[in-house]
């Protein structure tokens, strides 16, 4: 369930230790519309925040609404519906092999959605009109007016603008999305950050890099003690020293860190806000005041004091978004509110 069931990424900062969890990079503010996809008898529909069915389960698969459009699967093809459940972009796009876990089609970002045709990627607008032809073997979502693409398998990445014009020539081994005016890139084995015109904002000098969030980016650097994570500002200056075995991106003013068996959160100045009493749990970013925690195979949520707000009880859990979080207990999938109360579950 790509884009719906979040796969947690263990971000290593070297040394091979167990490290905090960090969800996929958050996208720019999305208009989710207060509707949430659910499955019943192998068909997908949408509920509202109260758990009431808003769009009947008639689709073969569905993802969350973004920009008043939701990706759905109908008869083996991908299309898009509006918040009333009406098909506004007919199902004519191919799902990828391994769909939905490895789907190449996307929800909308910057007003465009990535779709696939004849095994290659392109983009459509909210009305289903082709904005950029299916010219790419790899393409990412748009962010801040740029999308990373490549035209040949095994080739280098560049960036296109919203018209499909190559704004930054293909020259990078790995790339990220633009965030806070810059994007991380990898070339010749090192990571740095570029501006929308392709010039370097921060030179290639890091062993690993992540998106900027709240004016900070966590990067991996070589130190006398080995590879460690720290944080830089938009000028590339180290503002939080590389003392961490692992670290996460900032969200709601806090970032997770790991030093050996110690886990906790720091603020933007690098001061420890709280440490977790558990030994070696996995922890995620804060979203709507709560952060995921995973310990001994179970997920729960902590608040910004470090207290366990929702007990460790779930086999799977996702960050809160638009007031609800998607979780699993045994074989029962559910949506919960910020108090941990189920508003919908799959057995009802």
C-alpha atoms as a PDB file:
ATOM      1  CA  UNK A   1       0.000   0.000   0.000  1.00  0.00           C
ATOM      2  CA  UNK A   2       2.521   2.555  -1.213  1.00  0.00           C
ATOM      3  CA  UNK A   3       1.961   5.995   0.249  1.00  0.00           C
ATOM      4  CA  UNK A   4      -0.623   4.599   2.666  1.00  0.00           C
ATOM      5  CA  UNK A   5       1.102   1.997   4.760  1.00  0.00           C
ATOM      6  CA  UNK A   6       4.313   3.701   5.750  1.00  0.00           C
ATOM      7  CA  UNK A   7       7.511   1.662   5.666  1.00  0.00           C
ATOM      8  CA  UNK A   8       9.755   2.855   8.456  1.00  0.00           C
ATOM      9  CA  UNK A   9      13.311   3.568   7.392  1.00  0.00           C
ATOM     10  CA  UNK A  10      16.120   2.790   9.798  1.00  0.00           C
ATOM     11  CA  UNK A  11      18.563   5.595   9.150  1.00  0.00           C
ATOM     12  CA  UNK A  12      22.072   4.520   9.934  1.00  0.00           C
ATOM     13  CA  UNK A  13      24.783   6.969  10.828  1.00  0.00           C
ATOM     14  CA  UNK A  14      27.454   4.297  10.842  1.00  0.00           C
ATOM     15  CA  UNK A  15      28.732   1.901  13.471  1.00  0.00           C
ATOM     16  CA  UNK A  16      26.035  -0.651  12.675  1.00  0.00           C
ATOM     17  CA  UNK A  17      23.993   0.105  15.797  1.00  0.00           C
ATOM     18  CA  UNK A  18      20.221   0.020  16.224  1.00  0.00           C
ATOM     19  CA  UNK A  19      18.997   3.528  15.514  1.00  0.00           C
ATOM     20  CA  UNK A  20      15.912   5.764  15.707  1.00  0.00           C
ATOM     21  CA  UNK A  21      13.215   5.296  13.115  1.00  0.00           C
ATOM     22  CA  UNK A  22      12.488   8.128  10.750  1.00  0.00           C
ATOM     23  CA  UNK A  23       9.463   8.189   8.475  1.00  0.00           C
ATOM     24  CA  UNK A  24       9.725   9.106   4.817  1.00  0.00           C
ATOM     25  CA  UNK A  25      10.350  12.820   4.349  1.00  0.00           C
ATOM     26  CA  UNK A  26       7.234  14.874   4.975  1.00  0.00           C
ATOM     27  CA  UNK A  27       5.794  16.577   1.920  1.00  0.00           C
ATOM     28  CA  UNK A  28       4.771  20.242   1.821  1.00  0.00           C
ATOM     29  CA  UNK A  29       1.471  20.990   3.562  1.00  0.00           C
ATOM     30  CA  UNK A  30      -1.224  18.835   1.984  1.00  0.00           C
ATOM     31  CA  UNK A  31      -4.961  19.416   1.835  1.00  0.00           C
ATOM     32  CA  UNK A  32      -6.137  15.974   2.904  1.00  0.00           C
ATOM     33  CA  UNK A  33      -9.829  16.953   2.815  1.00  0.00           C
ATOM     34  CA  UNK A  34     -10.723  15.024   5.980  1.00  0.00           C
ATOM     35  CA  UNK A  35     -11.238  11.750   4.105  1.00  0.00           C
ATOM     36  CA  UNK A  36      -9.339   8.542   4.809  1.00  0.00           C
ATOM     37  CA  UNK A  37      -9.043   5.417   2.627  1.00  0.00           C
ATOM     38  CA  UNK A  38     -10.221   2.093   4.034  1.00  0.00           C
ATOM     39  CA  UNK A  39     -10.736  -1.458   2.732  1.00  0.00           C
ATOM     40  CA  UNK A  40     -13.784  -3.644   3.215  1.00  0.00           C
ATOM     41  CA  UNK A  41     -14.255  -7.023   1.519  1.00  0.00           C
ATOM     42  CA  UNK A  42     -11.275  -6.241  -0.731  1.00  0.00           C
ATOM     43  CA  UNK A  43     -12.808  -2.992  -1.973  1.00  0.00           C
ATOM     44  CA  UNK A  44     -11.657   0.491  -1.049  1.00  0.00           C
ATOM     45  CA  UNK A  45     -13.606   3.589  -0.082  1.00  0.00           C
ATOM     46  CA  UNK A  46     -13.242   6.565   2.252  1.00  0.00           C
ATOM     47  CA  UNK A  47     -14.398   7.438   5.764  1.00  0.00           C
ATOM     48  CA  UNK A  48     -14.583  10.844   7.436  1.00  0.00           C
ATOM     49  CA  UNK A  49     -12.897  11.802  10.726  1.00  0.00           C
ATOM     50  CA  UNK A  50     -15.832  10.368  12.683  1.00  0.00           C
ATOM     51  CA  UNK A  51     -15.375   6.983  11.029  1.00  0.00           C
ATOM     52  CA  UNK A  52     -18.515   7.238   8.893  1.00  0.00           C
ATOM     53  CA  UNK A  53     -18.405   6.031   5.303  1.00  0.00           C
ATOM     54  CA  UNK A  54     -18.179   9.081   3.033  1.00  0.00           C
ATOM     55  CA  UNK A  55     -17.395   7.297  -0.255  1.00  0.00           C
ATOM     56  CA  UNK A  56     -18.597   3.712  -0.613  1.00  0.00           C
ATOM     57  CA  UNK A  57     -15.942   0.981  -1.071  1.00  0.00           C
ATOM     58  CA  UNK A  58     -16.096   0.339  -4.825  1.00  0.00           C
ATOM     59  CA  UNK A  59     -12.445   0.717  -5.851  1.00  0.00           C
ATOM     60  CA  UNK A  60      -9.748  -1.946  -6.116  1.00  0.00           C
ATOM     61  CA  UNK A  61      -7.324   0.324  -4.244  1.00  0.00           C
ATOM     62  CA  UNK A  62      -7.209   3.935  -3.041  1.00  0.00           C
ATOM     63  CA  UNK A  63      -4.798   6.461  -1.548  1.00  0.00           C
ATOM     64  CA  UNK A  64      -5.277   9.651   0.448  1.00  0.00           C
ATOM     65  CA  UNK A  65      -6.641  12.830  -1.069  1.00  0.00           C
ATOM     66  CA  UNK A  66      -4.206  15.573  -2.026  1.00  0.00           C
ATOM     67  CA  UNK A  67      -5.362  18.740  -3.779  1.00  0.00           C
ATOM     68  CA  UNK A  68      -8.899  17.282  -3.804  1.00  0.00           C
ATOM     69  CA  UNK A  69      -7.781  14.302  -5.874  1.00  0.00           C
ATOM     70  CA  UNK A  70      -7.220  10.703  -4.789  1.00  0.00           C
ATOM     71  CA  UNK A  71      -5.496   7.949  -6.742  1.00  0.00           C
ATOM     72  CA  UNK A  72      -7.694   4.871  -7.251  1.00  0.00           C
ATOM     73  CA  UNK A  73      -7.366   1.566  -9.065  1.00  0.00           C
ATOM     74  CA  UNK A  74     -10.285   0.547 -11.287  1.00  0.00           C
ATOM     75  CA  UNK A  75     -10.196  -2.534 -13.509  1.00  0.00           C
ATOM     76  CA  UNK A  76      -6.423  -2.770 -13.384  1.00  0.00           C
ATOM     77  CA  UNK A  77      -5.807   0.883 -14.334  1.00  0.00           C
ATOM     78  CA  UNK A  78      -5.052   3.979 -12.286  1.00  0.00           C
ATOM     79  CA  UNK A  79      -7.334   6.991 -12.291  1.00  0.00           C
ATOM     80  CA  UNK A  80      -8.291   9.791  -9.905  1.00  0.00           C
ATOM     81  CA  UNK A  81     -11.491  10.792  -8.084  1.00  0.00           C
ATOM     82  CA  UNK A  82     -12.671  14.016  -6.459  1.00  0.00           C
ATOM     83  CA  UNK A  83     -13.924  14.374  -2.867  1.00  0.00           C
ATOM     84  CA  UNK A  84     -17.447  13.432  -3.949  1.00  0.00           C
ATOM     85  CA  UNK A  85     -16.163  10.072  -5.218  1.00  0.00           C
ATOM     86  CA  UNK A  86     -16.657  11.009  -8.864  1.00  0.00           C
ATOM     87  CA  UNK A  87     -14.050   9.773 -11.342  1.00  0.00           C
ATOM     88  CA  UNK A  88     -12.554  12.975 -12.761  1.00  0.00           C
ATOM     89  CA  UNK A  89      -9.485  11.453 -14.435  1.00  0.00           C
ATOM     90  CA  UNK A  90     -10.422   8.151 -16.119  1.00  0.00           C
ATOM     91  CA  UNK A  91      -8.496   4.977 -15.223  1.00  0.00           C
ATOM     92  CA  UNK A  92      -6.031   4.778 -18.074  1.00  0.00           C
ATOM     93  CA  UNK A  93      -2.586   4.676 -16.449  1.00  0.00           C
ATOM     94  CA  UNK A  94      -0.543   1.553 -15.876  1.00  0.00           C
ATOM     95  CA  UNK A  95       0.310   0.369 -12.379  1.00  0.00           C
ATOM     96  CA  UNK A  96       3.917  -0.683 -11.895  1.00  0.00           C
ATOM     97  CA  UNK A  97       5.090  -4.241 -11.313  1.00  0.00           C
ATOM     98  CA  UNK A  98       4.630  -4.913  -7.608  1.00  0.00           C
ATOM     99  CA  UNK A  99       1.765  -2.394  -7.317  1.00  0.00           C
ATOM    100  CA  UNK A 100       0.815  -0.903  -4.922  1.00  0.00           C
ATOM    101  CA  UNK A 101       4.012  -1.324  -2.894  1.00  0.00           C
ATOM    102  CA  UNK A 102       6.125  -0.122  -5.823  1.00  0.00           C
ATOM    103  CA  UNK A 103       3.683   2.048  -7.682  1.00  0.00           C
ATOM    104  CA  UNK A 104       5.161   4.617 -10.075  1.00  0.00           C
ATOM    105  CA  UNK A 105       1.974   6.704 -10.211  1.00  0.00           C
ATOM    106  CA  UNK A 106       1.625   9.290  -7.446  1.00  0.00           C
ATOM    107  CA  UNK A 107      -0.712  11.587  -5.630  1.00  0.00           C
ATOM    108  CA  UNK A 108      -0.604  15.241  -6.678  1.00  0.00           C
ATOM    109  CA  UNK A 109       2.271  17.501  -5.656  1.00  0.00           C
ATOM    110  CA  UNK A 110       2.732  21.082  -6.837  1.00  0.00           C
ATOM    111  CA  UNK A 111      -0.411  20.555  -8.931  1.00  0.00           C
ATOM    112  CA  UNK A 112       1.012  17.644 -10.952  1.00  0.00           C
ATOM    113  CA  UNK A 113       0.860  13.871 -10.546  1.00  0.00           C
ATOM    114  CA  UNK A 114       3.402  11.381 -11.816  1.00  0.00           C
ATOM    115  CA  UNK A 115       1.931   8.668 -14.048  1.00  0.00           C
ATOM    116  CA  UNK A 116       3.290   5.811 -16.110  1.00  0.00           C
ATOM    117  CA  UNK A 117       2.660   4.864 -19.721  1.00  0.00           C
ATOM    118  CA  UNK A 118       4.539   2.361 -21.869  1.00  0.00           C
ATOM    119  CA  UNK A 119       6.929   1.745 -18.992  1.00  0.00           C
ATOM    120  CA  UNK A 120       8.035   5.378 -18.705  1.00  0.00           C
ATOM    121  CA  UNK A 121       7.088   8.241 -16.390  1.00  0.00           C
ATOM    122  CA  UNK A 122       5.437  11.558 -17.124  1.00  0.00           C
ATOM    123  CA  UNK A 123       3.095  14.048 -15.440  1.00  0.00           C
ATOM    124  CA  UNK A 124      -0.550  15.121 -15.666  1.00  0.00           C
ATOM    125  CA  UNK A 125      -2.395  18.124 -14.229  1.00  0.00           C
ATOM    126  CA  UNK A 126      -5.489  18.010 -11.974  1.00  0.00           C
ATOM    127  CA  UNK A 127      -7.745  17.719 -15.011  1.00  0.00           C
ATOM    128  CA  UNK A 128      -5.903  14.736 -16.443  1.00  0.00           C
ATOM    129  CA  UNK A 129      -4.243  16.760 -19.195  1.00  0.00           C
ATOM    130  CA  UNK A 130      -0.702  15.659 -20.022  1.00  0.00           C
ATOM    131  CA  UNK A 131       1.642  18.323 -18.674  1.00  0.00           C
ATOM    132  CA  UNK A 132       4.927  16.517 -19.371  1.00  0.00           C
ATOM    133  CA  UNK A 133       5.194  13.495 -21.658  1.00  0.00           C
ATOM    134  CA  UNK A 134       6.215  10.019 -20.497  1.00  0.00           C
ATOM    135  CA  UNK A 135       9.883  10.584 -21.289  1.00  0.00           C
ATOM    136  CA  UNK A 136      11.624   9.279 -18.177  1.00  0.00           C
ATOM    137  CA  UNK A 137      12.705   5.907 -16.838  1.00  0.00           C
ATOM    138  CA  UNK A 138      12.705   7.428 -13.334  1.00  0.00           C
ATOM    139  CA  UNK A 139      10.867  10.475 -12.066  1.00  0.00           C
ATOM    140  CA  UNK A 140      10.081  11.896  -8.630  1.00  0.00           C
ATOM    141  CA  UNK A 141       7.233  14.068  -7.400  1.00  0.00           C
ATOM    142  CA  UNK A 142       7.459  17.810  -7.944  1.00  0.00           C
ATOM    143  CA  UNK A 143       8.526  19.945  -5.012  1.00  0.00           C
ATOM    144  CA  UNK A 144       9.144  23.690  -5.132  1.00  0.00           C
ATOM    145  CA  UNK A 145       8.865  23.705  -8.918  1.00  0.00           C
ATOM    146  CA  UNK A 146      11.429  20.985  -9.638  1.00  0.00           C
ATOM    147  CA  UNK A 147      11.274  17.204 -10.100  1.00  0.00           C
ATOM    148  CA  UNK A 148      14.226  14.835 -10.263  1.00  0.00           C
ATOM    149  CA  UNK A 149      14.319  12.670 -13.427  1.00  0.00           C
ATOM    150  CA  UNK A 150      16.554  10.502 -15.526  1.00  0.00           C
ATOM    151  CA  UNK A 151      16.078   9.328 -19.101  1.00  0.00           C
ATOM    152  CA  UNK A 152      18.281   6.213 -19.147  1.00  0.00           C
ATOM    153  CA  UNK A 153      18.496   3.212 -16.854  1.00  0.00           C
ATOM    154  CA  UNK A 154      21.695   3.482 -14.849  1.00  0.00           C
ATOM    155  CA  UNK A 155      22.109   7.085 -16.002  1.00  0.00           C
ATOM    156  CA  UNK A 156      22.566  10.248 -13.979  1.00  0.00           C
ATOM    157  CA  UNK A 157      19.790  12.409 -12.524  1.00  0.00           C
ATOM    158  CA  UNK A 158      18.819  15.960 -13.366  1.00  0.00           C
ATOM    159  CA  UNK A 159      15.755  18.122 -12.683  1.00  0.00           C
ATOM    160  CA  UNK A 160      12.909  19.387 -14.865  1.00  0.00           C
ATOM    161  CA  UNK A 161      10.644  22.369 -14.295  1.00  0.00           C
ATOM    162  CA  UNK A 162       6.827  22.267 -14.495  1.00  0.00           C
ATOM    163  CA  UNK A 163       6.916  22.672 -18.289  1.00  0.00           C
ATOM    164  CA  UNK A 164       9.169  19.633 -18.692  1.00  0.00           C
ATOM    165  CA  UNK A 165      12.208  21.715 -19.579  1.00  0.00           C
ATOM    166  CA  UNK A 166      15.490  20.364 -18.232  1.00  0.00           C
ATOM    167  CA  UNK A 167      16.297  23.010 -15.623  1.00  0.00           C
ATOM    168  CA  UNK A 168      19.327  21.222 -14.143  1.00  0.00           C
ATOM    169  CA  UNK A 169      21.307  18.895 -16.451  1.00  0.00           C
ATOM    170  CA  UNK A 170      21.718  15.214 -15.588  1.00  0.00           C
ATOM    171  CA  UNK A 171      24.912  14.987 -13.542  1.00  0.00           C
ATOM    172  CA  UNK A 172      24.135  13.440 -10.149  1.00  0.00           C
ATOM    173  CA  UNK A 173      24.354   9.863  -8.853  1.00  0.00           C
ATOM    174  CA  UNK A 174      21.597  10.349  -6.260  1.00  0.00           C
ATOM    175  CA  UNK A 175      19.197  13.215  -5.633  1.00  0.00           C
ATOM    176  CA  UNK A 176      16.588  14.478  -3.207  1.00  0.00           C
ATOM    177  CA  UNK A 177      13.559  16.722  -3.540  1.00  0.00           C
ATOM    178  CA  UNK A 178      13.791  20.477  -3.084  1.00  0.00           C
ATOM    179  CA  UNK A 179      12.965  21.577   0.445  1.00  0.00           C
ATOM    180  CA  UNK A 180      13.446  25.052   1.897  1.00  0.00           C
ATOM    181  CA  UNK A 181      15.038  26.195  -1.351  1.00  0.00           C
ATOM    182  CA  UNK A 182      17.682  23.492  -1.792  1.00  0.00           C
ATOM    183  CA  UNK A 183      17.997  19.800  -2.661  1.00  0.00           C
ATOM    184  CA  UNK A 184      20.641  17.331  -1.557  1.00  0.00           C
ATOM    185  CA  UNK A 185      22.623  15.604  -4.311  1.00  0.00           C
ATOM    186  CA  UNK A 186      25.392  13.036  -4.482  1.00  0.00           C
ATOM    187  CA  UNK A 187      28.280  13.219  -6.934  1.00  0.00           C
ATOM    188  CA  UNK A 188      31.676  11.519  -6.881  1.00  0.00           C
ATOM    189  CA  UNK A 189      30.765   9.820  -3.625  1.00  0.00           C
ATOM    190  CA  UNK A 190      30.005  13.000  -1.638  1.00  0.00           C
ATOM    191  CA  UNK A 191      26.797  14.835  -0.732  1.00  0.00           C
ATOM    192  CA  UNK A 192      26.015  18.531  -0.992  1.00  0.00           C
ATOM    193  CA  UNK A 193      23.076  20.857  -1.721  1.00  0.00           C
ATOM    194  CA  UNK A 194      22.049  22.684  -4.888  1.00  0.00           C
ATOM    195  CA  UNK A 195      19.798  25.645  -5.662  1.00  0.00           C
ATOM    196  CA  UNK A 196      16.912  25.560  -8.201  1.00  0.00           C
ATOM    197  CA  UNK A 197      19.283  26.856 -10.920  1.00  0.00           C
ATOM    198  CA  UNK A 198      21.676  23.931 -10.316  1.00  0.00           C
ATOM    199  CA  UNK A 199      24.432  25.929  -8.665  1.00  0.00           C
ATOM    200  CA  UNK A 200      25.775  24.686  -5.357  1.00  0.00           C
ATOM    201  CA  UNK A 201      24.431  26.238  -2.176  1.00  0.00           C
ATOM    202  CA  UNK A 202      26.578  23.935  -0.036  1.00  0.00           C
ATOM    203  CA  UNK A 203      29.513  22.070  -1.619  1.00  0.00           C
ATOM    204  CA  UNK A 204      29.942  18.315  -1.866  1.00  0.00           C
ATOM    205  CA  UNK A 205      31.582  17.406   1.445  1.00  0.00           C
ATOM    206  CA  UNK A 206      29.293  15.112   3.443  1.00  0.00           C
ATOM    207  CA  UNK A 207      29.125  11.319   3.660  1.00  0.00           C
ATOM    208  CA  UNK A 208      25.307  11.425   3.665  1.00  0.00           C
ATOM    209  CA  UNK A 209      22.664  14.159   3.674  1.00  0.00           C
ATOM    210  CA  UNK A 210      18.937  14.652   4.184  1.00  0.00           C
ATOM    211  CA  UNK A 211      16.308  17.289   3.372  1.00  0.00           C
ATOM    212  CA  UNK A 212      16.253  20.622   5.197  1.00  0.00           C
ATOM    213  CA  UNK A 213      13.426  20.860   7.711  1.00  0.00           C
ATOM    214  CA  UNK A 214      12.811  23.840   9.956  1.00  0.00           C
ATOM    215  CA  UNK A 215      16.140  25.392   8.973  1.00  0.00           C
ATOM    216  CA  UNK A 216      18.228  22.334   9.815  1.00  0.00           C
ATOM    217  CA  UNK A 217      19.477  19.296   7.885  1.00  0.00           C
ATOM    218  CA  UNK A 218      21.071  16.258   9.468  1.00  0.00           C
ATOM    219  CA  UNK A 219      24.180  15.072   7.686  1.00  0.00           C
ATOM    220  CA  UNK A 220      26.800  12.407   8.253  1.00  0.00           C
ATOM    221  CA  UNK A 221      30.413  13.488   8.679  1.00  0.00           C
ATOM    222  CA  UNK A 222      33.706  11.772   9.312  1.00  0.00           C
ATOM    223  CA  UNK A 223      35.106  12.533  12.764  1.00  0.00           C
ATOM    224  CA  UNK A 224      38.114  11.197  14.715  1.00  0.00           C
ATOM    225  CA  UNK A 225      35.671   8.793  16.374  1.00  0.00           C
ATOM    226  CA  UNK A 226      34.264   7.568  13.052  1.00  0.00           C
ATOM    227  CA  UNK A 227      31.169   8.541  11.080  1.00  0.00           C
ATOM    228  CA  UNK A 228      28.696  10.582  13.123  1.00  0.00           C
ATOM    229  CA  UNK A 229      25.574  12.643  12.445  1.00  0.00           C
ATOM    230  CA  UNK A 230      25.166  16.340  13.145  1.00  0.00           C
ATOM    231  CA  UNK A 231      23.140  19.272  11.825  1.00  0.00           C
ATOM    232  CA  UNK A 232      23.887  22.157   9.486  1.00  0.00           C
ATOM    233  CA  UNK A 233      22.077  25.405   8.691  1.00  0.00           C
ATOM    234  CA  UNK A 234      21.253  26.817   5.252  1.00  0.00           C
ATOM    235  CA  UNK A 235      24.792  28.215   4.937  1.00  0.00           C
ATOM    236  CA  UNK A 236      26.278  24.768   5.446  1.00  0.00           C
ATOM    237  CA  UNK A 237      27.607  25.707   8.878  1.00  0.00           C
ATOM    238  CA  UNK A 238      27.620  23.002  11.546  1.00  0.00           C
ATOM    239  CA  UNK A 239      25.185  24.247  14.194  1.00  0.00           C
ATOM    240  CA  UNK A 240      24.788  20.992  16.140  1.00  0.00           C
ATOM    241  CA  UNK A 241      28.051  19.019  16.401  1.00  0.00           C
ATOM    242  CA  UNK A 242      28.284  15.497  14.926  1.00  0.00           C
ATOM    243  CA  UNK A 243      27.944  13.572  18.179  1.00  0.00           C
ATOM    244  CA  UNK A 244      25.167  11.188  17.172  1.00  0.00           C
ATOM    245  CA  UNK A 245      25.263   7.609  16.005  1.00  0.00           C
ATOM    246  CA  UNK A 246      21.904   8.350  14.369  1.00  0.00           C
ATOM    247  CA  UNK A 247      19.542  11.268  13.993  1.00  0.00           C
ATOM    248  CA  UNK A 248      16.233  12.275  12.458  1.00  0.00           C
ATOM    249  CA  UNK A 249      14.897  15.360  10.712  1.00  0.00           C
ATOM    250  CA  UNK A 250      13.301  18.201  12.654  1.00  0.00           C
ATOM    251  CA  UNK A 251       9.540  18.332  12.980  1.00  0.00           C
ATOM    252  CA  UNK A 252       7.527  20.550  15.311  1.00  0.00           C
ATOM    253  CA  UNK A 253      10.769  21.864  16.786  1.00  0.00           C
ATOM    254  CA  UNK A 254      12.235  18.490  17.791  1.00  0.00           C
ATOM    255  CA  UNK A 255      14.493  15.867  16.207  1.00  0.00           C
ATOM    256  CA  UNK A 256      15.224  12.339  17.362  1.00  0.00           C
ATOM    257  CA  UNK A 257      18.759  11.221  18.158  1.00  0.00           C
ATOM    258  CA  UNK A 258      20.584   8.042  19.125  1.00  0.00           C
ATOM    259  CA  UNK A 259      23.874   7.656  20.988  1.00  0.00           C
ATOM    260  CA  UNK A 260      24.648   4.000  21.632  1.00  0.00           C
ATOM    261  CA  UNK A 261      21.658   2.788  23.688  1.00  0.00           C
ATOM    262  CA  UNK A 262      20.441   6.297  24.517  1.00  0.00           C
ATOM    263  CA  UNK A 263      17.412   7.628  22.636  1.00  0.00           C
ATOM    264  CA  UNK A 264      15.736  10.992  22.906  1.00  0.00           C
ATOM    265  CA  UNK A 265      14.946  14.326  21.259  1.00  0.00           C
ATOM    266  CA  UNK A 266      16.859  17.563  20.836  1.00  0.00           C
ATOM    267  CA  UNK A 267      15.716  21.083  20.011  1.00  0.00           C
ATOM    268  CA  UNK A 268      17.045  23.296  17.210  1.00  0.00           C
ATOM    269  CA  UNK A 269      19.857  24.488  19.452  1.00  0.00           C
ATOM    270  CA  UNK A 270      20.994  20.905  19.989  1.00  0.00           C
ATOM    271  CA  UNK A 271      19.961  20.744  23.649  1.00  0.00           C
ATOM    272  CA  UNK A 272      18.436  17.473  24.848  1.00  0.00           C
ATOM    273  CA  UNK A 273      14.731  18.050  25.565  1.00  0.00           C
ATOM    274  CA  UNK A 274      14.111  14.589  26.969  1.00  0.00           C
ATOM    275  CA  UNK A 275      15.604  11.114  27.029  1.00  0.00           C
ATOM    276  CA  UNK A 276      13.494   7.993  26.846  1.00  0.00           C
ATOM    277  CA  UNK A 277      13.642   5.636  29.833  1.00  0.00           C
ATOM    278  CA  UNK A 278      13.404   2.556  27.624  1.00  0.00           C
ATOM    279  CA  UNK A 279      16.647   0.994  26.460  1.00  0.00           C
ATOM    280  CA  UNK A 280      17.066   1.274  22.722  1.00  0.00           C
ATOM    281  CA  UNK A 281      13.548   1.930  21.338  1.00  0.00           C
ATOM    282  CA  UNK A 282      13.047   3.098  17.756  1.00  0.00           C
ATOM    283  CA  UNK A 283      11.531   6.565  17.529  1.00  0.00           C
ATOM    284  CA  UNK A 284      10.078   8.753  14.786  1.00  0.00           C
ATOM    285  CA  UNK A 285       9.263  12.369  13.961  1.00  0.00           C
ATOM    286  CA  UNK A 286       6.569  14.347  15.714  1.00  0.00           C
ATOM    287  CA  UNK A 287       3.349  14.894  13.807  1.00  0.00           C
ATOM    288  CA  UNK A 288       0.367  16.681  15.326  1.00  0.00           C
ATOM    289  CA  UNK A 289       1.999  16.573  18.742  1.00  0.00           C
ATOM    290  CA  UNK A 290       2.726  12.838  18.827  1.00  0.00           C
ATOM    291  CA  UNK A 291       5.639  10.686  17.671  1.00  0.00           C
ATOM    292  CA  UNK A 292       5.768   6.994  16.940  1.00  0.00           C
ATOM    293  CA  UNK A 293       7.787   4.725  19.186  1.00  0.00           C
ATOM    294  CA  UNK A 294       8.545   1.056  18.560  1.00  0.00           C
ATOM    295  CA  UNK A 295       9.841  -1.256  21.262  1.00  0.00           C
ATOM    296  CA  UNK A 296       9.931  -5.048  21.413  1.00  0.00           C
ATOM    297  CA  UNK A 297       7.984  -5.253  18.142  1.00  0.00           C
ATOM    298  CA  UNK A 298       5.084  -3.046  19.275  1.00  0.00           C
ATOM    299  CA  UNK A 299       4.220   0.523  18.275  1.00  0.00           C
ATOM    300  CA  UNK A 300       2.770   3.326  20.368  1.00  0.00           C
ATOM    301  CA  UNK A 301       2.946   7.127  20.560  1.00  0.00           C
ATOM    302  CA  UNK A 302       4.727   9.551  22.871  1.00  0.00           C
ATOM    303  CA  UNK A 303       3.977  13.219  23.515  1.00  0.00           C
ATOM    304  CA  UNK A 304       6.440  16.119  23.628  1.00  0.00           C
ATOM    305  CA  UNK A 305       7.286  15.468  27.263  1.00  0.00           C
ATOM    306  CA  UNK A 306       8.374  11.940  26.397  1.00  0.00           C
ATOM    307  CA  UNK A 307       5.387  10.399  28.162  1.00  0.00           C
ATOM    308  CA  UNK A 308       3.663   7.440  26.547  1.00  0.00           C
ATOM    309  CA  UNK A 309       0.418   8.983  25.261  1.00  0.00           C
ATOM    310  CA  UNK A 310      -0.878   5.848  23.494  1.00  0.00           C
ATOM    311  CA  UNK A 311       0.466   2.515  24.845  1.00  0.00           C
ATOM    312  CA  UNK A 312       2.677   0.137  22.889  1.00  0.00           C
ATOM    313  CA  UNK A 313       0.091  -2.218  21.425  1.00  0.00           C
ATOM    314  CA  UNK A 314       0.147  -2.061  17.624  1.00  0.00           C
ATOM    315  CA  UNK A 315       1.812  -4.410  15.135  1.00  0.00           C
ATOM    316  CA  UNK A 316       1.916  -1.532  12.652  1.00  0.00           C
ATOM    317  CA  UNK A 317       1.301   2.189  13.033  1.00  0.00           C
ATOM    318  CA  UNK A 318       1.612   5.370  11.000  1.00  0.00           C
ATOM    319  CA  UNK A 319       2.150   9.027  11.949  1.00  0.00           C
ATOM    320  CA  UNK A 320      -0.904  11.131  12.703  1.00  0.00           C
ATOM    321  CA  UNK A 321      -2.202  13.127   9.740  1.00  0.00           C
ATOM    322  CA  UNK A 322      -5.338  15.206   9.610  1.00  0.00           C
ATOM    323  CA  UNK A 323      -6.341  14.057  13.091  1.00  0.00           C
ATOM    324  CA  UNK A 324      -6.151  10.276  12.679  1.00  0.00           C
ATOM    325  CA  UNK A 325      -3.530   7.526  12.488  1.00  0.00           C
ATOM    326  CA  UNK A 326      -3.755   4.134  10.771  1.00  0.00           C
ATOM    327  CA  UNK A 327      -2.800   1.166  12.966  1.00  0.00           C
ATOM    328  CA  UNK A 328      -3.016  -2.637  13.154  1.00  0.00           C
ATOM    329  CA  UNK A 329      -3.699  -4.869  16.140  1.00  0.00           C
ATOM    330  CA  UNK A 330      -3.352  -8.542  15.201  1.00  0.00           C
ATOM    331  CA  UNK A 331      -5.434  -8.835  12.007  1.00  0.00           C
ATOM    332  CA  UNK A 332      -7.601  -5.813  12.776  1.00  0.00           C
ATOM    333  CA  UNK A 333      -6.796  -2.565  10.936  1.00  0.00           C
ATOM    334  CA  UNK A 334      -8.123   0.638  12.480  1.00  0.00           C
ATOM    335  CA  UNK A 335      -8.004   4.413  12.544  1.00  0.00           C
ATOM    336  CA  UNK A 336      -7.407   5.991  15.946  1.00  0.00           C
ATOM    337  CA  UNK A 337      -7.678   9.559  17.212  1.00  0.00           C
ATOM    338  CA  UNK A 338      -5.079  11.392  19.296  1.00  0.00           C
ATOM    339  CA  UNK A 339      -6.416   9.783  22.482  1.00  0.00           C
ATOM    340  CA  UNK A 340      -5.980   6.292  21.041  1.00  0.00           C
ATOM    341  CA  UNK A 341      -9.713   5.739  20.583  1.00  0.00           C
ATOM    342  CA  UNK A 342     -10.724   3.751  17.504  1.00  0.00           C
ATOM    343  CA  UNK A 343     -13.034   5.676  15.186  1.00  0.00           C
ATOM    344  CA  UNK A 344     -13.118   2.856  12.617  1.00  0.00           C
ATOM    345  CA  UNK A 345     -11.870  -0.697  12.379  1.00  0.00           C
ATOM    346  CA  UNK A 346     -11.889  -3.308   9.632  1.00  0.00           C
ATOM    347  CA  UNK A 347     -14.109  -5.785  11.504  1.00  0.00           C
ATOM    348  CA  UNK A 348     -17.070  -3.460  11.895  1.00  0.00           C
END
